[in-house]
Amino acid sequence: LDTSEQLHHKENAILQSQIKYREEYEKNKGKSMLEFTDTPSYEVAKKAQHIQSEKEYRKDFDEWIKGSVPADLDMTPGYLHAKHATSLLNEKEYRKDWEENIKGKVTTAA
């Protein structure tokens, strides 16, 4: 049998243990009890999820952007100038081809 003094010390030890437990609990509250964030498999899974997320984002972005040209893009001075320069080049090529291959040749109808 335990004496009253021994019972008192035993109860104090239990109480002290509960106080220490409570302090540790409060200190670690909200933290993950599993330290899985340091494992290589967690890092691989996290990276794969990021890549998949990026892939989905780019897919959505490409679908949204594809085919959507601002309506006034063809009215900018730079675009109009390039369009005019292209038409002049096309006309110049046509005339050069016409002069080299067709001009002065007689065509016969069959």
N, C-alpha and C. Protein backbone atom coordinates (compact mmCIF):
# COMPACT_ATOMS: atom_id res chain seq x y z
N LEU A 1 0.83 -1.19 0.00
CA LEU A 1 0.00 0.00 0.00
C LEU A 1 0.86 1.24 0.00
N ASP A 2 0.33 2.24 -0.66
CA ASP A 2 1.05 3.50 -0.72
C ASP A 2 0.63 4.39 0.44
N THR A 3 1.60 5.11 0.92
CA THR A 3 1.30 6.07 1.98
C THR A 3 0.66 7.29 1.35
N SER A 4 0.10 8.13 2.17
CA SER A 4 -0.54 9.33 1.65
C SER A 4 0.47 10.24 0.95
N GLU A 5 1.70 10.25 1.45
CA GLU A 5 2.74 11.08 0.80
C GLU A 5 3.08 10.52 -0.58
N GLN A 6 3.16 9.20 -0.70
CA GLN A 6 3.44 8.57 -1.99
C GLN A 6 2.29 8.81 -2.97
N LEU A 7 1.06 8.72 -2.48
CA LEU A 7 -0.10 9.00 -3.32
C LEU A 7 -0.08 10.45 -3.81
N HIS A 8 0.31 11.33 -2.89
CA HIS A 8 0.39 12.74 -3.25
C HIS A 8 1.43 12.96 -4.36
N HIS A 9 2.60 12.35 -4.22
CA HIS A 9 3.65 12.47 -5.25
C HIS A 9 3.21 11.84 -6.57
N LYS A 10 2.53 10.74 -6.46
CA LYS A 10 2.03 10.06 -7.67
C LYS A 10 1.03 10.94 -8.41
N GLU A 11 0.10 11.54 -7.65
CA GLU A 11 -0.89 12.45 -8.27
C GLU A 11 -0.21 13.67 -8.86
N ASN A 12 0.80 14.19 -8.16
CA ASN A 12 1.55 15.34 -8.69
C ASN A 12 2.27 14.98 -9.98
N ALA A 13 2.82 13.79 -10.04
CA ALA A 13 3.53 13.34 -11.25
C ALA A 13 2.55 13.23 -12.41
N ILE A 14 1.38 12.69 -12.14
CA ILE A 14 0.36 12.57 -13.20
C ILE A 14 -0.09 13.96 -13.65
N LEU A 15 -0.32 14.83 -12.68
CA LEU A 15 -0.75 16.20 -13.00
C LEU A 15 0.33 16.93 -13.81
N GLN A 16 1.58 16.78 -13.37
CA GLN A 16 2.70 17.41 -14.08
C GLN A 16 2.80 16.85 -15.50
N SER A 17 2.59 15.56 -15.66
CA SER A 17 2.62 14.93 -16.97
C SER A 17 1.51 15.50 -17.85
N GLN A 18 0.32 15.68 -17.26
CA GLN A 18 -0.79 16.24 -18.03
C GLN A 18 -0.52 17.69 -18.42
N ILE A 19 0.13 18.46 -17.54
CA ILE A 19 0.46 19.85 -17.84
C ILE A 19 1.47 19.90 -18.99
N LYS A 20 2.49 19.05 -18.93
CA LYS A 20 3.48 19.00 -20.01
C LYS A 20 2.82 18.60 -21.33
N TYR A 21 1.94 17.60 -21.24
CA TYR A 21 1.24 17.17 -22.45
C TYR A 21 0.42 18.31 -23.03
N ARG A 22 -0.29 19.03 -22.16
CA ARG A 22 -1.14 20.15 -22.59
C ARG A 22 -0.29 21.25 -23.24
N GLU A 23 0.87 21.55 -22.66
CA GLU A 23 1.76 22.56 -23.23
C GLU A 23 2.24 22.14 -24.61
N GLU A 24 2.64 20.90 -24.76
CA GLU A 24 3.08 20.38 -26.06
C GLU A 24 1.93 20.43 -27.07
N TYR A 25 0.74 20.07 -26.58
CA TYR A 25 -0.42 20.07 -27.46
C TYR A 25 -0.71 21.48 -27.97
N GLU A 26 -0.72 22.44 -27.08
CA GLU A 26 -1.00 23.83 -27.47
C GLU A 26 0.09 24.37 -28.39
N LYS A 27 1.33 23.99 -28.12
CA LYS A 27 2.44 24.46 -28.95
C LYS A 27 2.35 23.90 -30.37
N ASN A 28 1.92 22.65 -30.50
CA ASN A 28 1.86 22.00 -31.80
C ASN A 28 0.48 22.05 -32.45
N LYS A 29 -0.43 22.71 -31.81
CA LYS A 29 -1.79 22.78 -32.34
C LYS A 29 -1.77 23.44 -33.73
N GLY A 30 -2.44 22.82 -34.69
CA GLY A 30 -2.48 23.36 -36.04
C GLY A 30 -1.36 22.85 -36.92
N LYS A 31 -0.37 22.24 -36.35
CA LYS A 31 0.73 21.68 -37.14
C LYS A 31 0.39 20.23 -37.48
N SER A 32 0.90 19.80 -38.59
CA SER A 32 0.69 18.42 -38.99
C SER A 32 1.51 17.51 -38.10
N MET A 33 0.89 16.46 -37.66
CA MET A 33 1.61 15.49 -36.83
C MET A 33 2.51 14.61 -37.68
N LEU A 34 2.23 14.55 -38.96
CA LEU A 34 3.06 13.77 -39.86
C LEU A 34 4.01 14.70 -40.58
N GLU A 35 5.24 14.38 -40.59
CA GLU A 35 6.23 15.19 -41.28
C GLU A 35 6.45 14.64 -42.69
N PHE A 36 5.34 14.54 -43.45
CA PHE A 36 5.43 13.97 -44.79
C PHE A 36 5.93 14.99 -45.82
N THR A 37 6.01 16.25 -45.43
CA THR A 37 6.43 17.27 -46.39
C THR A 37 7.90 17.14 -46.75
N ASP A 38 8.64 16.38 -45.99
CA ASP A 38 10.07 16.23 -46.26
C ASP A 38 10.38 14.98 -47.08
N THR A 39 9.39 14.18 -47.36
CA THR A 39 9.66 12.93 -48.06
C THR A 39 9.79 13.17 -49.56
N PRO A 40 10.62 12.40 -50.25
CA PRO A 40 10.76 12.54 -51.70
C PRO A 40 9.47 12.28 -52.45
N SER A 41 8.68 11.32 -51.99
CA SER A 41 7.43 11.03 -52.70
C SER A 41 6.46 12.21 -52.60
N TYR A 42 6.46 12.91 -51.47
CA TYR A 42 5.61 14.09 -51.35
C TYR A 42 6.07 15.18 -52.32
N GLU A 43 7.37 15.39 -52.40
CA GLU A 43 7.91 16.40 -53.32
C GLU A 43 7.55 16.07 -54.76
N VAL A 44 7.64 14.78 -55.15
CA VAL A 44 7.30 14.36 -56.50
C VAL A 44 5.82 14.61 -56.77
N ALA A 45 4.97 14.26 -55.81
CA ALA A 45 3.53 14.46 -55.97
C ALA A 45 3.20 15.95 -56.08
N LYS A 46 3.85 16.75 -55.27
CA LYS A 46 3.63 18.20 -55.30
C LYS A 46 4.05 18.77 -56.65
N LYS A 47 5.19 18.33 -57.16
CA LYS A 47 5.68 18.80 -58.45
C LYS A 47 4.73 18.37 -59.58
N ALA A 48 4.26 17.13 -59.52
CA ALA A 48 3.33 16.62 -60.54
C ALA A 48 2.02 17.41 -60.52
N GLN A 49 1.55 17.73 -59.33
CA GLN A 49 0.32 18.51 -59.21
C GLN A 49 0.53 19.91 -59.79
N HIS A 50 1.68 20.49 -59.54
CA HIS A 50 1.98 21.82 -60.08
C HIS A 50 2.05 21.79 -61.61
N ILE A 51 2.69 20.76 -62.15
CA ILE A 51 2.78 20.63 -63.61
C ILE A 51 1.40 20.46 -64.22
N GLN A 52 0.58 19.61 -63.61
CA GLN A 52 -0.78 19.39 -64.11
C GLN A 52 -1.58 20.68 -64.05
N SER A 53 -1.44 21.41 -62.97
CA SER A 53 -2.16 22.67 -62.81
C SER A 53 -1.71 23.66 -63.89
N GLU A 54 -0.41 23.73 -64.12
CA GLU A 54 0.14 24.62 -65.14
C GLU A 54 -0.36 24.20 -66.53
N LYS A 55 -0.40 22.89 -66.75
CA LYS A 55 -0.86 22.37 -68.05
C LYS A 55 -2.33 22.75 -68.27
N GLU A 56 -3.16 22.59 -67.25
CA GLU A 56 -4.58 22.96 -67.36
C GLU A 56 -4.73 24.46 -67.60
N TYR A 57 -3.91 25.26 -66.89
CA TYR A 57 -3.97 26.70 -67.06
C TYR A 57 -3.62 27.09 -68.50
N ARG A 58 -2.54 26.52 -69.00
CA ARG A 58 -2.13 26.85 -70.37
C ARG A 58 -3.16 26.39 -71.39
N LYS A 59 -3.76 25.23 -71.18
CA LYS A 59 -4.79 24.73 -72.09
C LYS A 59 -5.98 25.68 -72.11
N ASP A 60 -6.44 26.08 -70.94
CA ASP A 60 -7.56 27.02 -70.88
C ASP A 60 -7.19 28.36 -71.52
N PHE A 61 -5.97 28.81 -71.25
CA PHE A 61 -5.53 30.09 -71.81
C PHE A 61 -5.46 30.02 -73.33
N ASP A 62 -4.89 28.93 -73.87
CA ASP A 62 -4.78 28.78 -75.32
C ASP A 62 -6.15 28.72 -75.98
N GLU A 63 -7.09 28.01 -75.34
CA GLU A 63 -8.44 27.93 -75.90
C GLU A 63 -9.11 29.29 -75.88
N TRP A 64 -8.86 30.06 -74.84
CA TRP A 64 -9.47 31.38 -74.73
C TRP A 64 -8.87 32.36 -75.73
N ILE A 65 -7.55 32.29 -75.90
CA ILE A 65 -6.84 33.22 -76.78
C ILE A 65 -7.00 32.85 -78.24
N LYS A 66 -6.98 31.56 -78.54
CA LYS A 66 -6.98 31.10 -79.93
C LYS A 66 -8.17 31.68 -80.69
N GLY A 67 -7.89 32.32 -81.78
CA GLY A 67 -8.95 32.84 -82.63
C GLY A 67 -9.51 34.17 -82.18
N SER A 68 -9.10 34.65 -81.03
CA SER A 68 -9.65 35.93 -80.59
C SER A 68 -8.65 37.04 -80.91
N VAL A 69 -8.89 37.73 -81.99
CA VAL A 69 -8.05 38.84 -82.42
C VAL A 69 -8.81 40.12 -82.13
N PRO A 70 -8.17 41.08 -81.53
CA PRO A 70 -8.88 42.33 -81.30
C PRO A 70 -9.41 42.90 -82.61
N ALA A 71 -10.61 43.41 -82.59
CA ALA A 71 -11.28 43.86 -83.80
C ALA A 71 -10.55 45.02 -84.48
N ASP A 72 -9.90 45.85 -83.71
CA ASP A 72 -9.25 47.02 -84.30
C ASP A 72 -7.78 46.78 -84.64
N LEU A 73 -7.31 45.54 -84.55
CA LEU A 73 -5.91 45.24 -84.86
C LEU A 73 -5.60 45.54 -86.32
N ASP A 74 -6.55 45.27 -87.22
CA ASP A 74 -6.29 45.50 -88.63
C ASP A 74 -6.42 46.96 -89.01
N MET A 75 -6.63 47.82 -88.06
CA MET A 75 -6.73 49.25 -88.35
C MET A 75 -5.53 50.04 -87.82
N THR A 76 -4.57 49.37 -87.22
CA THR A 76 -3.41 50.09 -86.71
C THR A 76 -2.53 50.55 -87.86
N PRO A 77 -1.84 51.67 -87.71
CA PRO A 77 -0.99 52.17 -88.79
C PRO A 77 0.07 51.16 -89.23
N GLY A 78 0.66 50.47 -88.29
CA GLY A 78 1.68 49.48 -88.64
C GLY A 78 1.12 48.35 -89.48
N TYR A 79 -0.06 47.87 -89.11
CA TYR A 79 -0.69 46.80 -89.87
C TYR A 79 -1.07 47.27 -91.27
N LEU A 80 -1.65 48.47 -91.35
CA LEU A 80 -2.04 49.01 -92.66
C LEU A 80 -0.83 49.20 -93.56
N HIS A 81 0.27 49.67 -92.99
CA HIS A 81 1.50 49.87 -93.77
C HIS A 81 2.03 48.54 -94.29
N ALA A 82 2.06 47.53 -93.40
CA ALA A 82 2.54 46.21 -93.82
C ALA A 82 1.64 45.61 -94.89
N LYS A 83 0.35 45.79 -94.75
CA LYS A 83 -0.59 45.27 -95.74
C LYS A 83 -0.38 45.93 -97.10
N HIS A 84 -0.17 47.25 -97.09
CA HIS A 84 0.07 47.98 -98.34
C HIS A 84 1.40 47.55 -98.97
N ALA A 85 2.44 47.41 -98.15
CA ALA A 85 3.75 46.99 -98.66
C ALA A 85 3.67 45.60 -99.27
N THR A 86 2.92 44.70 -98.65
CA THR A 86 2.75 43.36 -99.18
C THR A 86 2.02 43.38 -100.51
N SER A 87 1.00 44.21 -100.61
CA SER A 87 0.26 44.26 -101.89
C SER A 87 1.14 44.84 -102.99
N LEU A 88 1.99 45.82 -102.66
CA LEU A 88 2.92 46.37 -103.66
C LEU A 88 3.91 45.31 -104.12
N LEU A 89 4.44 44.54 -103.17
CA LEU A 89 5.38 43.48 -103.53
C LEU A 89 4.70 42.43 -104.41
N ASN A 90 3.48 42.05 -104.06
CA ASN A 90 2.75 41.07 -104.86
C ASN A 90 2.51 41.59 -106.28
N GLU A 91 2.16 42.85 -106.38
CA GLU A 91 1.93 43.44 -107.71
C GLU A 91 3.23 43.51 -108.50
N LYS A 92 4.33 43.85 -107.83
CA LYS A 92 5.63 43.92 -108.50
C LYS A 92 6.03 42.54 -109.02
N GLU A 93 5.86 41.51 -108.21
CA GLU A 93 6.17 40.14 -108.62
C GLU A 93 5.30 39.72 -109.81
N TYR A 94 4.02 40.09 -109.75
CA TYR A 94 3.12 39.73 -110.85
C TYR A 94 3.57 40.39 -112.16
N ARG A 95 3.89 41.68 -112.10
CA ARG A 95 4.31 42.39 -113.31
C ARG A 95 5.62 41.82 -113.85
N LYS A 96 6.55 41.50 -112.94
CA LYS A 96 7.84 40.94 -113.37
C LYS A 96 7.60 39.60 -114.08
N ASP A 97 6.78 38.75 -113.50
CA ASP A 97 6.46 37.46 -114.09
C ASP A 97 5.76 37.65 -115.44
N TRP A 98 4.86 38.60 -115.50
CA TRP A 98 4.13 38.87 -116.75
C TRP A 98 5.09 39.32 -117.84
N GLU A 99 6.02 40.23 -117.50
CA GLU A 99 6.95 40.73 -118.50
C GLU A 99 7.91 39.64 -118.97
N GLU A 100 8.35 38.76 -118.08
CA GLU A 100 9.30 37.72 -118.46
C GLU A 100 8.65 36.57 -119.24
N ASN A 101 7.46 36.21 -118.89
CA ASN A 101 6.88 34.99 -119.44
C ASN A 101 5.77 35.20 -120.45
N ILE A 102 5.06 36.27 -120.37
CA ILE A 102 3.87 36.40 -121.21
C ILE A 102 4.01 37.51 -122.26
N LYS A 103 4.58 38.62 -121.90
CA LYS A 103 4.66 39.79 -122.78
C LYS A 103 5.42 39.43 -124.07
N GLY A 104 4.84 39.74 -125.20
CA GLY A 104 5.49 39.52 -126.48
C GLY A 104 5.32 38.14 -127.03
N LYS A 105 4.76 37.23 -126.30
CA LYS A 105 4.53 35.89 -126.81
C LYS A 105 3.13 35.81 -127.38
N VAL A 106 3.04 35.09 -128.43
CA VAL A 106 1.74 34.94 -129.09
C VAL A 106 1.10 33.68 -128.56
N THR A 107 -0.14 33.81 -128.16
CA THR A 107 -0.86 32.65 -127.70
C THR A 107 -1.76 32.17 -128.83
N THR A 108 -1.83 30.91 -129.01
CA THR A 108 -2.69 30.35 -130.08
C THR A 108 -3.82 29.62 -129.43
N ALA A 109 -4.96 29.78 -130.03
CA ALA A 109 -6.14 29.07 -129.52
C ALA A 109 -6.22 27.73 -130.24
N ALA A 110 -6.53 26.73 -129.56
CA ALA A 110 -6.60 25.42 -130.18
C ALA A 110 -7.95 25.10 -130.72
